Amino acid sequence: MTNSELVRKIQSEFLRETAMPELKTWMEIEVSQILREWWKERTQKFKWIIIKTGWKSPLEKTITVRRKVWAFWVEKVFAINSPTIGDIEILRTFKTRRKHIGYIRTAIWKKAKLKEIKK
């Protein structure tokens, strides 16, 4: 048994049982995150646009998302297999040619020509 097979076997115990949708850049998603505050637990939903996806193994899947809150741009990295992530729903999908769209940080959103892919 090689090292990579051994790592996959160990990580398979910690993977999420429910199937997650295939996430790509320029998707507008709604993430349900479970927040624990002292003795209470609640679910909060966030609307984001994915600007980066990446992983080395199935357990390390992450997405970097971005949105505007008041006058500031906020970025957040979500680990897909984290127990705090409840559900991910895809709202809209846009056409893109790149896997990582970090250039959007410096570009003005009006200059980014978005073509929505209809379902």
PDB file of N, CA and C in Angstrom:
ATOM      1  N   MET A   1       0.858  -1.179   0.000  1.00  0.00           N
ATOM      2  CA  MET A   1       0.000   0.000   0.000  1.00  0.00           C
ATOM      3  C   MET A   1       0.901   1.238   0.000  1.00  0.00           C
ATOM      4  N   THR A   2       0.643   2.116  -0.960  1.00  0.00           N
ATOM      5  CA  THR A   2       1.455   3.323  -1.058  1.00  0.00           C
ATOM      6  C   THR A   2       0.979   4.364  -0.043  1.00  0.00           C
ATOM      7  N   ASN A   3       1.777   5.404   0.113  1.00  0.00           N
ATOM      8  CA  ASN A   3       1.434   6.457   1.073  1.00  0.00           C
ATOM      9  C   ASN A   3       0.138   7.158   0.709  1.00  0.00           C
ATOM     10  N   SER A   4      -0.072   7.462  -0.571  1.00  0.00           N
ATOM     11  CA  SER A   4      -1.287   8.170  -0.971  1.00  0.00           C
ATOM     12  C   SER A   4      -2.531   7.322  -0.751  1.00  0.00           C
ATOM     13  N   GLU A   5      -2.443   6.028  -0.964  1.00  0.00           N
ATOM     14  CA  GLU A   5      -3.583   5.140  -0.691  1.00  0.00           C
ATOM     15  C   GLU A   5      -3.882   5.081   0.806  1.00  0.00           C
ATOM     16  N   LEU A   6      -2.838   5.068   1.600  1.00  0.00           N
ATOM     17  CA  LEU A   6      -2.999   5.043   3.047  1.00  0.00           C
ATOM     18  C   LEU A   6      -3.661   6.326   3.546  1.00  0.00           C
ATOM     19  N   VAL A   7      -3.238   7.469   3.012  1.00  0.00           N
ATOM     20  CA  VAL A   7      -3.828   8.754   3.398  1.00  0.00           C
ATOM     21  C   VAL A   7      -5.302   8.804   3.010  1.00  0.00           C
ATOM     22  N   ARG A   8      -5.646   8.363   1.802  1.00  0.00           N
ATOM     23  CA  ARG A   8      -7.051   8.350   1.363  1.00  0.00           C
ATOM     24  C   ARG A   8      -7.909   7.459   2.251  1.00  0.00           C
ATOM     25  N   LYS A   9      -7.364   6.319   2.637  1.00  0.00           N
ATOM     26  CA  LYS A   9      -8.109   5.392   3.489  1.00  0.00           C
ATOM     27  C   LYS A   9      -8.390   6.012   4.852  1.00  0.00           C
ATOM     28  N   ILE A  10      -7.415   6.683   5.426  1.00  0.00           N
ATOM     29  CA  ILE A  10      -7.604   7.325   6.730  1.00  0.00           C
ATOM     30  C   ILE A  10      -8.562   8.501   6.623  1.00  0.00           C
ATOM     31  N   GLN A  11      -8.441   9.304   5.556  1.00  0.00           N
ATOM     32  CA  GLN A  11      -9.300  10.480   5.396  1.00  0.00           C
ATOM     33  C   GLN A  11     -10.742  10.120   5.060  1.00  0.00           C
ATOM     34  N   SER A  12     -10.980   8.956   4.493  1.00  0.00           N
ATOM     35  CA  SER A  12     -12.340   8.586   4.087  1.00  0.00           C
ATOM     36  C   SER A  12     -13.289   8.516   5.289  1.00  0.00           C
ATOM     37  N   GLU A  13     -12.776   8.265   6.483  1.00  0.00           N
ATOM     38  CA  GLU A  13     -13.618   8.224   7.676  1.00  0.00           C
ATOM     39  C   GLU A  13     -14.188   9.594   8.023  1.00  0.00           C
ATOM     40  N   PHE A  14     -13.485  10.656   7.658  1.00  0.00           N
ATOM     41  CA  PHE A  14     -13.873  12.005   8.053  1.00  0.00           C
ATOM     42  C   PHE A  14     -14.619  12.763   6.959  1.00  0.00           C
ATOM     43  N   LEU A  15     -14.802  12.171   5.791  1.00  0.00           N
ATOM     44  CA  LEU A  15     -15.494  12.849   4.694  1.00  0.00           C
ATOM     45  C   LEU A  15     -16.981  12.941   4.979  1.00  0.00           C
ATOM     46  N   ARG A  16     -17.598  13.930   4.403  1.00  0.00           N
ATOM     47  CA  ARG A  16     -19.026  14.176   4.565  1.00  0.00           C
ATOM     48  C   ARG A  16     -19.816  13.097   3.817  1.00  0.00           C
ATOM     49  N   GLU A  17     -20.892  12.597   4.452  1.00  0.00           N
ATOM     50  CA  GLU A  17     -21.700  11.551   3.821  1.00  0.00           C
ATOM     51  C   GLU A  17     -22.599  12.114   2.729  1.00  0.00           C
ATOM     52  N   THR A  18     -23.152  13.316   2.956  1.00  0.00           N
ATOM     53  CA  THR A  18     -24.054  13.898   1.971  1.00  0.00           C
ATOM     54  C   THR A  18     -23.251  14.442   0.794  1.00  0.00           C
ATOM     55  N   ALA A  19     -23.785  14.284  -0.386  1.00  0.00           N
ATOM     56  CA  ALA A  19     -23.084  14.731  -1.595  1.00  0.00           C
ATOM     57  C   ALA A  19     -23.179  16.244  -1.721  1.00  0.00           C
ATOM     58  N   MET A  20     -22.050  16.877  -1.975  1.00  0.00           N
ATOM     59  CA  MET A  20     -21.999  18.319  -2.189  1.00  0.00           C
ATOM     60  C   MET A  20     -22.053  18.584  -3.687  1.00  0.00           C
ATOM     61  N   PRO A  21     -22.636  19.715  -4.094  1.00  0.00           N
ATOM     62  CA  PRO A  21     -22.628  20.030  -5.518  1.00  0.00           C
ATOM     63  C   PRO A  21     -21.213  20.342  -6.004  1.00  0.00           C
ATOM     64  N   GLU A  22     -20.985  20.183  -7.295  1.00  0.00           N
ATOM     65  CA  GLU A  22     -19.683  20.501  -7.857  1.00  0.00           C
ATOM     66  C   GLU A  22     -19.551  22.016  -7.927  1.00  0.00           C
ATOM     67  N   LEU A  23     -18.567  22.555  -7.235  1.00  0.00           N
ATOM     68  CA  LEU A  23     -18.406  23.998  -7.129  1.00  0.00           C
ATOM     69  C   LEU A  23     -17.294  24.469  -8.046  1.00  0.00           C
ATOM     70  N   LYS A  24     -17.553  25.566  -8.777  1.00  0.00           N
ATOM     71  CA  LYS A  24     -16.584  26.161  -9.684  1.00  0.00           C
ATOM     72  C   LYS A  24     -16.543  27.665  -9.443  1.00  0.00           C
ATOM     73  N   THR A  25     -15.539  28.315 -10.011  1.00  0.00           N
ATOM     74  CA  THR A  25     -15.448  29.762  -9.861  1.00  0.00           C
ATOM     75  C   THR A  25     -16.606  30.437 -10.577  1.00  0.00           C
ATOM     76  N   TRP A  26     -16.911  31.651 -10.144  1.00  0.00           N
ATOM     77  CA  TRP A  26     -18.003  32.482 -10.649  1.00  0.00           C
ATOM     78  C   TRP A  26     -19.367  31.858 -10.444  1.00  0.00           C
ATOM     79  N   MET A  27     -19.517  31.073  -9.390  1.00  0.00           N
ATOM     80  CA  MET A  27     -20.838  30.605  -8.992  1.00  0.00           C
ATOM     81  C   MET A  27     -21.290  31.451  -7.805  1.00  0.00           C
ATOM     82  N   GLU A  28     -22.531  31.852  -7.838  1.00  0.00           N
ATOM     83  CA  GLU A  28     -23.097  32.540  -6.682  1.00  0.00           C
ATOM     84  C   GLU A  28     -23.758  31.476  -5.819  1.00  0.00           C
ATOM     85  N   ILE A  29     -23.291  31.361  -4.572  1.00  0.00           N
ATOM     86  CA  ILE A  29     -23.775  30.291  -3.703  1.00  0.00           C
ATOM     87  C   ILE A  29     -24.337  30.864  -2.410  1.00  0.00           C
ATOM     88  N   GLU A  30     -25.124  30.051  -1.747  1.00  0.00           N
ATOM     89  CA  GLU A  30     -25.632  30.403  -0.424  1.00  0.00           C
ATOM     90  C   GLU A  30     -25.159  29.311   0.537  1.00  0.00           C
ATOM     91  N   VAL A  31     -24.351  29.707   1.503  1.00  0.00           N
ATOM     92  CA  VAL A  31     -23.758  28.774   2.447  1.00  0.00           C
ATOM     93  C   VAL A  31     -24.495  28.877   3.778  1.00  0.00           C
ATOM     94  N   SER A  32     -24.958  27.736   4.280  1.00  0.00           N
ATOM     95  CA  SER A  32     -25.568  27.681   5.613  1.00  0.00           C
ATOM     96  C   SER A  32     -24.492  27.262   6.591  1.00  0.00           C
ATOM     97  N   GLN A  33     -24.131  28.167   7.471  1.00  0.00           N
ATOM     98  CA  GLN A  33     -23.081  27.887   8.434  1.00  0.00           C
ATOM     99  C   GLN A  33     -23.687  27.762   9.827  1.00  0.00           C
ATOM    100  N   ILE A  34     -23.278  26.732  10.552  1.00  0.00           N
ATOM    101  CA  ILE A  34     -23.774  26.494  11.901  1.00  0.00           C
ATOM    102  C   ILE A  34     -22.877  27.252  12.872  1.00  0.00           C
ATOM    103  N   LEU A  35     -23.456  28.173  13.614  1.00  0.00           N
ATOM    104  CA  LEU A  35     -22.711  28.980  14.583  1.00  0.00           C
ATOM    105  C   LEU A  35     -23.091  28.557  15.987  1.00  0.00           C
ATOM    106  N   ARG A  36     -22.089  28.330  16.806  1.00  0.00           N
ATOM    107  CA  ARG A  36     -22.312  27.935  18.194  1.00  0.00           C
ATOM    108  C   ARG A  36     -21.897  29.092  19.106  1.00  0.00           C
ATOM    109  N   GLU A  37     -22.846  29.540  19.911  1.00  0.00           N
ATOM    110  CA  GLU A  37     -22.585  30.623  20.850  1.00  0.00           C
ATOM    111  C   GLU A  37     -22.991  30.145  22.239  1.00  0.00           C
ATOM    112  N   TRP A  38     -22.020  29.926  23.057  1.00  0.00           N
ATOM    113  CA  TRP A  38     -22.219  29.415  24.409  1.00  0.00           C
ATOM    114  C   TRP A  38     -23.054  28.146  24.375  1.00  0.00           C
ATOM    115  N   TRP A  39     -24.304  28.195  24.796  1.00  0.00           N
ATOM    116  CA  TRP A  39     -25.132  26.998  24.848  1.00  0.00           C
ATOM    117  C   TRP A  39     -26.111  26.941  23.674  1.00  0.00           C
ATOM    118  N   LYS A  40     -26.127  27.972  22.848  1.00  0.00           N
ATOM    119  CA  LYS A  40     -27.057  28.007  21.718  1.00  0.00           C
ATOM    120  C   LYS A  40     -26.364  27.611  20.423  1.00  0.00           C
ATOM    121  N   GLU A  41     -27.150  27.142  19.498  1.00  0.00           N
ATOM    122  CA  GLU A  41     -26.647  26.802  18.174  1.00  0.00           C
ATOM    123  C   GLU A  41     -27.665  27.320  17.151  1.00  0.00           C
ATOM    124  N   ARG A  42     -27.173  28.037  16.134  1.00  0.00           N
ATOM    125  CA  ARG A  42     -28.079  28.575  15.120  1.00  0.00           C
ATOM    126  C   ARG A  42     -27.432  28.446  13.744  1.00  0.00           C
ATOM    127  N   THR A  43     -28.258  28.542  12.722  1.00  0.00           N
ATOM    128  CA  THR A  43     -27.781  28.459  11.349  1.00  0.00           C
ATOM    129  C   THR A  43     -27.908  29.830  10.706  1.00  0.00           C
ATOM    130  N   GLN A  44     -26.841  30.284  10.088  1.00  0.00           N
ATOM    131  CA  GLN A  44     -26.848  31.563   9.402  1.00  0.00           C
ATOM    132  C   GLN A  44     -26.488  31.338   7.943  1.00  0.00           C
ATOM    133  N   LYS A  45     -27.197  32.022   7.043  1.00  0.00           N
ATOM    134  CA  LYS A  45     -26.959  31.869   5.613  1.00  0.00           C
ATOM    135  C   LYS A  45     -26.207  33.074   5.073  1.00  0.00           C
ATOM    136  N   PHE A  46     -25.237  32.804   4.218  1.00  0.00           N
ATOM    137  CA  PHE A  46     -24.437  33.840   3.579  1.00  0.00           C
ATOM    138  C   PHE A  46     -24.512  33.659   2.073  1.00  0.00           C
ATOM    139  N   LYS A  47     -24.581  34.774   1.341  1.00  0.00           N
ATOM    140  CA  LYS A  47     -24.554  34.758  -0.118  1.00  0.00           C
ATOM    141  C   LYS A  47     -23.192  35.241  -0.582  1.00  0.00           C
ATOM    142  N   TRP A  48     -22.499  34.452  -1.395  1.00  0.00           N
ATOM    143  CA  TRP A  48     -21.147  34.754  -1.821  1.00  0.00           C
ATOM    144  C   TRP A  48     -20.961  34.424  -3.292  1.00  0.00           C
ATOM    145  N   ILE A  49     -19.839  34.905  -3.860  1.00  0.00           N
ATOM    146  CA  ILE A  49     -19.388  34.493  -5.189  1.00  0.00           C
ATOM    147  C   ILE A  49     -18.041  33.803  -5.010  1.00  0.00           C
ATOM    148  N   ILE A  50     -17.893  32.628  -5.609  1.00  0.00           N
ATOM    149  CA  ILE A  50     -16.654  31.856  -5.481  1.00  0.00           C
ATOM    150  C   ILE A  50     -15.589  32.473  -6.384  1.00  0.00           C
ATOM    151  N   ILE A  51     -14.421  32.787  -5.816  1.00  0.00           N
ATOM    152  CA  ILE A  51     -13.330  33.309  -6.634  1.00  0.00           C
ATOM    153  C   ILE A  51     -12.182  32.314  -6.760  1.00  0.00           C
ATOM    154  N   LYS A  52     -12.181  31.263  -5.924  1.00  0.00           N
ATOM    155  CA  LYS A  52     -11.095  30.287  -6.003  1.00  0.00           C
ATOM    156  C   LYS A  52     -11.549  28.962  -5.411  1.00  0.00           C
ATOM    157  N   THR A  53     -11.165  27.868  -6.056  1.00  0.00           N
ATOM    158  CA  THR A  53     -11.381  26.542  -5.507  1.00  0.00           C
ATOM    159  C   THR A  53     -10.045  25.832  -5.479  1.00  0.00           C
ATOM    160  N   GLY A  54      -9.856  24.966  -4.527  1.00  0.00           N
ATOM    161  CA  GLY A  54      -8.590  24.254  -4.476  1.00  0.00           C
ATOM    162  C   GLY A  54      -8.574  23.158  -3.444  1.00  0.00           C
ATOM    163  N   TRP A  55      -7.803  22.117  -3.738  1.00  0.00           N
ATOM    164  CA  TRP A  55      -7.595  21.036  -2.793  1.00  0.00           C
ATOM    165  C   TRP A  55      -6.502  20.115  -3.304  1.00  0.00           C
ATOM    166  N   LYS A  56      -5.911  19.414  -2.358  1.00  0.00           N
ATOM    167  CA  LYS A  56      -4.912  18.408  -2.683  1.00  0.00           C
ATOM    168  C   LYS A  56      -5.502  17.020  -2.509  1.00  0.00           C
ATOM    169  N   SER A  57      -6.355  16.872  -1.522  1.00  0.00           N
ATOM    170  CA  SER A  57      -7.035  15.604  -1.287  1.00  0.00           C
ATOM    171  C   SER A  57      -8.509  15.910  -1.016  1.00  0.00           C
ATOM    172  N   PRO A  58      -9.387  14.914  -1.092  1.00  0.00           N
ATOM    173  CA  PRO A  58     -10.820  15.173  -0.887  1.00  0.00           C
ATOM    174  C   PRO A  58     -11.160  15.809   0.458  1.00  0.00           C
ATOM    175  N   LEU A  59     -10.379  15.541   1.491  1.00  0.00           N
ATOM    176  CA  LEU A  59     -10.657  16.106   2.803  1.00  0.00           C
ATOM    177  C   LEU A  59     -10.282  17.580   2.880  1.00  0.00           C
ATOM    178  N   GLU A  60      -9.368  18.033   2.038  1.00  0.00           N
ATOM    179  CA  GLU A  60      -8.859  19.403   2.091  1.00  0.00           C
ATOM    180  C   GLU A  60      -9.565  20.345   1.120  1.00  0.00           C
ATOM    181  N   LYS A  61     -10.726  19.998   0.607  1.00  0.00           N
ATOM    182  CA  LYS A  61     -11.427  20.855  -0.347  1.00  0.00           C
ATOM    183  C   LYS A  61     -11.793  22.190   0.305  1.00  0.00           C
ATOM    184  N   THR A  62     -11.405  23.278  -0.348  1.00  0.00           N
ATOM    185  CA  THR A  62     -11.727  24.612   0.156  1.00  0.00           C
ATOM    186  C   THR A  62     -12.216  25.485  -0.989  1.00  0.00           C
ATOM    187  N   ILE A  63     -13.008  26.488  -0.632  1.00  0.00           N
ATOM    188  CA  ILE A  63     -13.413  27.505  -1.597  1.00  0.00           C
ATOM    189  C   ILE A  63     -13.160  28.863  -0.954  1.00  0.00           C
ATOM    190  N   THR A  64     -12.712  29.801  -1.761  1.00  0.00           N
ATOM    191  CA  THR A  64     -12.542  31.181  -1.317  1.00  0.00           C
ATOM    192  C   THR A  64     -13.674  31.972  -1.929  1.00  0.00           C
ATOM    193  N   VAL A  65     -14.414  32.682  -1.095  1.00  0.00           N
ATOM    194  CA  VAL A  65     -15.584  33.419  -1.563  1.00  0.00           C
ATOM    195  C   VAL A  65     -15.419  34.903  -1.240  1.00  0.00           C
ATOM    196  N   ARG A  66     -16.177  35.738  -1.941  1.00  0.00           N
ATOM    197  CA  ARG A  66     -16.043  37.185  -1.795  1.00  0.00           C
ATOM    198  C   ARG A  66     -17.414  37.837  -1.944  1.00  0.00           C
ATOM    199  N   ARG A  67     -17.644  38.887  -1.178  1.00  0.00           N
ATOM    200  CA  ARG A  67     -18.857  39.685  -1.320  1.00  0.00           C
ATOM    201  C   ARG A  67     -18.621  41.068  -0.735  1.00  0.00           C
ATOM    202  N   LYS A  68     -19.515  41.972  -1.044  1.00  0.00           N
ATOM    203  CA  LYS A  68     -19.402  43.332  -0.555  1.00  0.00           C
ATOM    204  C   LYS A  68     -20.339  43.511   0.633  1.00  0.00           C
ATOM    205  N   VAL A  69     -19.774  44.003   1.732  1.00  0.00           N
ATOM    206  CA  VAL A  69     -20.550  44.305   2.931  1.00  0.00           C
ATOM    207  C   VAL A  69     -20.371  45.781   3.201  1.00  0.00           C
ATOM    208  N   TRP A  70     -21.443  46.515   3.072  1.00  0.00           N
ATOM    209  CA  TRP A  70     -21.445  47.972   3.150  1.00  0.00           C
ATOM    210  C   TRP A  70     -20.432  48.532   2.160  1.00  0.00           C
ATOM    211  N   ALA A  71     -19.346  49.117   2.618  1.00  0.00           N
ATOM    212  CA  ALA A  71     -18.371  49.710   1.700  1.00  0.00           C
ATOM    213  C   ALA A  71     -17.112  48.859   1.577  1.00  0.00           C
ATOM    214  N   PHE A  72     -17.094  47.704   2.208  1.00  0.00           N
ATOM    215  CA  PHE A  72     -15.886  46.878   2.244  1.00  0.00           C
ATOM    216  C   PHE A  72     -16.107  45.558   1.531  1.00  0.00           C
ATOM    217  N   TRP A  73     -15.030  45.036   0.950  1.00  0.00           N
ATOM    218  CA  TRP A  73     -15.062  43.709   0.346  1.00  0.00           C
ATOM    219  C   TRP A  73     -14.566  42.715   1.380  1.00  0.00           C
ATOM    220  N   VAL A  74     -15.278  41.630   1.528  1.00  0.00           N
ATOM    221  CA  VAL A  74     -14.957  40.609   2.512  1.00  0.00           C
ATOM    222  C   VAL A  74     -14.678  39.295   1.790  1.00  0.00           C
ATOM    223  N   GLU A  75     -13.583  38.636   2.171  1.00  0.00           N
ATOM    224  CA  GLU A  75     -13.253  37.323   1.634  1.00  0.00           C
ATOM    225  C   GLU A  75     -13.228  36.322   2.773  1.00  0.00           C
ATOM    226  N   LYS A  76     -13.657  35.109   2.467  1.00  0.00           N
ATOM    227  CA  LYS A  76     -13.692  34.073   3.485  1.00  0.00           C
ATOM    228  C   LYS A  76     -13.360  32.735   2.827  1.00  0.00           C
ATOM    229  N   VAL A  77     -12.638  31.898   3.548  1.00  0.00           N
ATOM    230  CA  VAL A  77     -12.285  30.571   3.052  1.00  0.00           C
ATOM    231  C   VAL A  77     -13.112  29.552   3.825  1.00  0.00           C
ATOM    232  N   PHE A  78     -13.850  28.718   3.091  1.00  0.00           N
ATOM    233  CA  PHE A  78     -14.655  27.667   3.697  1.00  0.00           C
ATOM    234  C   PHE A  78     -14.030  26.318   3.397  1.00  0.00           C
ATOM    235  N   ALA A  79     -13.914  25.475   4.400  1.00  0.00           N
ATOM    236  CA  ALA A  79     -13.530  24.079   4.206  1.00  0.00           C
ATOM    237  C   ALA A  79     -14.823  23.295   3.971  1.00  0.00           C
ATOM    238  N   ILE A  80     -14.924  22.645   2.824  1.00  0.00           N
ATOM    239  CA  ILE A  80     -16.177  21.998   2.431  1.00  0.00           C
ATOM    240  C   ILE A  80     -16.581  20.889   3.409  1.00  0.00           C
ATOM    241  N   ASN A  81     -15.621  20.124   3.904  1.00  0.00           N
ATOM    242  CA  ASN A  81     -15.927  19.000   4.783  1.00  0.00           C
ATOM    243  C   ASN A  81     -15.964  19.386   6.261  1.00  0.00           C
ATOM    244  N   SER A  82     -15.996  20.660   6.545  1.00  0.00           N
ATOM    245  CA  SER A  82     -16.053  21.122   7.925  1.00  0.00           C
ATOM    246  C   SER A  82     -17.426  20.803   8.531  1.00  0.00           C
ATOM    247  N   PRO A  83     -17.474  20.426   9.800  1.00  0.00           N
ATOM    248  CA  PRO A  83     -18.772  20.155  10.421  1.00  0.00           C
ATOM    249  C   PRO A  83     -19.618  21.410  10.631  1.00  0.00           C
ATOM    250  N   THR A  84     -19.023  22.593  10.504  1.00  0.00           N
ATOM    251  CA  THR A  84     -19.799  23.824  10.677  1.00  0.00           C
ATOM    252  C   THR A  84     -20.539  24.237   9.406  1.00  0.00           C
ATOM    253  N   ILE A  85     -20.254  23.606   8.283  1.00  0.00           N
ATOM    254  CA  ILE A  85     -20.948  23.912   7.033  1.00  0.00           C
ATOM    255  C   ILE A  85     -22.166  23.004   6.938  1.00  0.00           C
ATOM    256  N   GLY A  86     -23.347  23.622   6.949  1.00  0.00           N
ATOM    257  CA  GLY A  86     -24.572  22.840   6.890  1.00  0.00           C
ATOM    258  C   GLY A  86     -24.930  22.421   5.478  1.00  0.00           C
ATOM    259  N   ASP A  87     -25.111  23.393   4.599  1.00  0.00           N
ATOM    260  CA  ASP A  87     -25.568  23.110   3.248  1.00  0.00           C
ATOM    261  C   ASP A  87     -25.036  24.186   2.313  1.00  0.00           C
ATOM    262  N   ILE A  88     -24.801  23.821   1.068  1.00  0.00           N
ATOM    263  CA  ILE A  88     -24.384  24.782   0.047  1.00  0.00           C
ATOM    264  C   ILE A  88     -25.358  24.689  -1.111  1.00  0.00           C
ATOM    265  N   GLU A  89     -25.952  25.827  -1.441  1.00  0.00           N
ATOM    266  CA  GLU A  89     -26.934  25.873  -2.524  1.00  0.00           C
ATOM    267  C   GLU A  89     -26.408  26.796  -3.624  1.00  0.00           C
ATOM    268  N   ILE A  90     -26.462  26.333  -4.877  1.00  0.00           N
ATOM    269  CA  ILE A  90     -26.008  27.129  -6.009  1.00  0.00           C
ATOM    270  C   ILE A  90     -27.177  27.980  -6.493  1.00  0.00           C
ATOM    271  N   LEU A  91     -26.990  29.298  -6.507  1.00  0.00           N
ATOM    272  CA  LEU A  91     -28.044  30.209  -6.941  1.00  0.00           C
ATOM    273  C   LEU A  91     -27.922  30.544  -8.433  1.00  0.00           C
ATOM    274  N   ARG A  92     -26.710  30.973  -8.839  1.00  0.00           N
ATOM    275  CA  ARG A  92     -26.472  31.325 -10.241  1.00  0.00           C
ATOM    276  C   ARG A  92     -25.083  30.868 -10.644  1.00  0.00           C
ATOM    277  N   THR A  93     -24.900  30.668 -11.944  1.00  0.00           N
ATOM    278  CA  THR A  93     -23.601  30.288 -12.478  1.00  0.00           C
ATOM    279  C   THR A  93     -23.260  31.237 -13.618  1.00  0.00           C
ATOM    280  N   PHE A  94     -22.017  31.705 -13.637  1.00  0.00           N
ATOM    281  CA  PHE A  94     -21.546  32.582 -14.692  1.00  0.00           C
ATOM    282  C   PHE A  94     -20.452  31.884 -15.486  1.00  0.00           C
ATOM    283  N   LYS A  95     -20.280  32.310 -16.718  1.00  0.00           N
ATOM    284  CA  LYS A  95     -19.265  31.733 -17.593  1.00  0.00           C
ATOM    285  C   LYS A  95     -17.895  32.292 -17.224  1.00  0.00           C
ATOM    286  N   THR A  96     -16.897  31.415 -17.171  1.00  0.00           N
ATOM    287  CA  THR A  96     -15.541  31.828 -16.859  1.00  0.00           C
ATOM    288  C   THR A  96     -14.550  30.950 -17.610  1.00  0.00           C
ATOM    289  N   ARG A  97     -13.331  31.451 -17.758  1.00  0.00           N
ATOM    290  CA  ARG A  97     -12.287  30.677 -18.415  1.00  0.00           C
ATOM    291  C   ARG A  97     -11.179  30.279 -17.463  1.00  0.00           C
ATOM    292  N   ARG A  98     -11.215  30.781 -16.253  1.00  0.00           N
ATOM    293  CA  ARG A  98     -10.115  30.563 -15.318  1.00  0.00           C
ATOM    294  C   ARG A  98     -10.589  29.837 -14.068  1.00  0.00           C
ATOM    295  N   LYS A  99      -9.639  29.152 -13.443  1.00  0.00           N
ATOM    296  CA  LYS A  99      -9.939  28.461 -12.199  1.00  0.00           C
ATOM    297  C   LYS A  99      -9.851  29.408 -11.012  1.00  0.00           C
ATOM    298  N   HIS A 100      -8.925  30.349 -11.069  1.00  0.00           N
ATOM    299  CA  HIS A 100      -8.708  31.308  -9.982  1.00  0.00           C
ATOM    300  C   HIS A 100      -8.878  32.712 -10.553  1.00  0.00           C
ATOM    301  N   ILE A 101      -9.828  33.456 -10.054  1.00  0.00           N
ATOM    302  CA  ILE A 101     -10.097  34.793 -10.586  1.00  0.00           C
ATOM    303  C   ILE A 101      -9.714  35.857  -9.579  1.00  0.00           C
ATOM    304  N   GLY A 102      -8.477  35.805  -9.130  1.00  0.00           N
ATOM    305  CA  GLY A 102      -7.979  36.774  -8.157  1.00  0.00           C
ATOM    306  C   GLY A 102      -7.854  38.168  -8.720  1.00  0.00           C
ATOM    307  N   TYR A 103      -7.850  38.289 -10.052  1.00  0.00           N
ATOM    308  CA  TYR A 103      -7.749  39.607 -10.667  1.00  0.00           C
ATOM    309  C   TYR A 103      -8.959  40.465 -10.350  1.00  0.00           C
ATOM    310  N   ILE A 104     -10.041  39.850  -9.929  1.00  0.00           N
ATOM    311  CA  ILE A 104     -11.268  40.598  -9.645  1.00  0.00           C
ATOM    312  C   ILE A 104     -11.096  41.470  -8.394  1.00  0.00           C
ATOM    313  N   ARG A 105     -10.069  41.189  -7.589  1.00  0.00           N
ATOM    314  CA  ARG A 105      -9.822  42.008  -6.399  1.00  0.00           C
ATOM    315  C   ARG A 105      -9.458  43.437  -6.771  1.00  0.00           C
ATOM    316  N   THR A 106      -8.711  43.603  -7.855  1.00  0.00           N
ATOM    317  CA  THR A 106      -8.285  44.938  -8.247  1.00  0.00           C
ATOM    318  C   THR A 106      -9.191  45.539  -9.309  1.00  0.00           C
ATOM    319  N   ALA A 107      -9.932  44.716 -10.009  1.00  0.00           N
ATOM    320  CA  ALA A 107     -10.817  45.219 -11.066  1.00  0.00           C
ATOM    321  C   ALA A 107     -12.100  45.776 -10.461  1.00  0.00           C
ATOM    322  N   ILE A 108     -12.699  46.666 -11.159  1.00  0.00           N
ATOM    323  CA  ILE A 108     -13.994  47.184 -10.753  1.00  0.00           C
ATOM    324  C   ILE A 108     -15.041  46.213 -11.265  1.00  0.00           C
ATOM    325  N   TRP A 109     -16.050  45.909 -10.438  1.00  0.00           N
ATOM    326  CA  TRP A 109     -17.028  44.894 -10.796  1.00  0.00           C
ATOM    327  C   TRP A 109     -17.790  45.249 -12.065  1.00  0.00           C
ATOM    328  N   LYS A 110     -17.945  46.528 -12.370  1.00  0.00           N
ATOM    329  CA  LYS A 110     -18.667  46.899 -13.577  1.00  0.00           C
ATOM    330  C   LYS A 110     -17.893  46.495 -14.828  1.00  0.00           C
ATOM    331  N   LYS A 111     -16.562  46.441 -14.716  1.00  0.00           N
ATOM    332  CA  LYS A 111     -15.760  46.057 -15.868  1.00  0.00           C
ATOM    333  C   LYS A 111     -15.787  44.558 -16.106  1.00  0.00           C
ATOM    334  N   ALA A 112     -16.123  43.786 -15.099  1.00  0.00           N
ATOM    335  CA  ALA A 112     -16.188  42.335 -15.244  1.00  0.00           C
ATOM    336  C   ALA A 112     -17.464  41.980 -15.994  1.00  0.00           C
ATOM    337  N   LYS A 113     -17.314  41.558 -17.234  1.00  0.00           N
ATOM    338  CA  LYS A 113     -18.474  41.229 -18.037  1.00  0.00           C
ATOM    339  C   LYS A 113     -18.904  39.810 -17.687  1.00  0.00           C
ATOM    340  N   LEU A 114     -20.067  39.695 -17.094  1.00  0.00           N
ATOM    341  CA  LEU A 114     -20.565  38.424 -16.635  1.00  0.00           C
ATOM    342  C   LEU A 114     -21.651  37.912 -17.572  1.00  0.00           C
ATOM    343  N   LYS A 115     -21.493  36.680 -18.022  1.00  0.00           N
ATOM    344  CA  LYS A 115     -22.526  36.039 -18.824  1.00  0.00           C
ATOM    345  C   LYS A 115     -23.087  34.899 -18.004  1.00  0.00           C
ATOM    346  N   GLU A 116     -24.359  35.011 -17.653  1.00  0.00           N
ATOM    347  CA  GLU A 116     -24.981  33.990 -16.821  1.00  0.00           C
ATOM    348  C   GLU A 116     -25.337  32.786 -17.655  1.00  0.00           C
ATOM    349  N   ILE A 117     -25.089  31.606 -17.104  1.00  0.00           N
ATOM    350  CA  ILE A 117     -25.429  30.355 -17.770  1.00  0.00           C
ATOM    351  C   ILE A 117     -26.823  29.967 -17.278  1.00  0.00           C
ATOM    352  N   LYS A 118     -27.757  29.861 -18.195  1.00  0.00           N
ATOM    353  CA  LYS A 118     -29.132  29.512 -17.848  1.00  0.00           C
ATOM    354  C   LYS A 118     -29.229  28.008 -17.631  1.00  0.00           C
ATOM    355  N   LYS A 119     -30.039  27.614 -16.675  1.00  0.00           N
ATOM    356  CA  LYS A 119     -30.229  26.187 -16.392  1.00  0.00           C
ATOM    357  C   LYS A 119     -31.309  25.619 -17.279  1.00  0.00           C
TER     358      LYS A 119
END
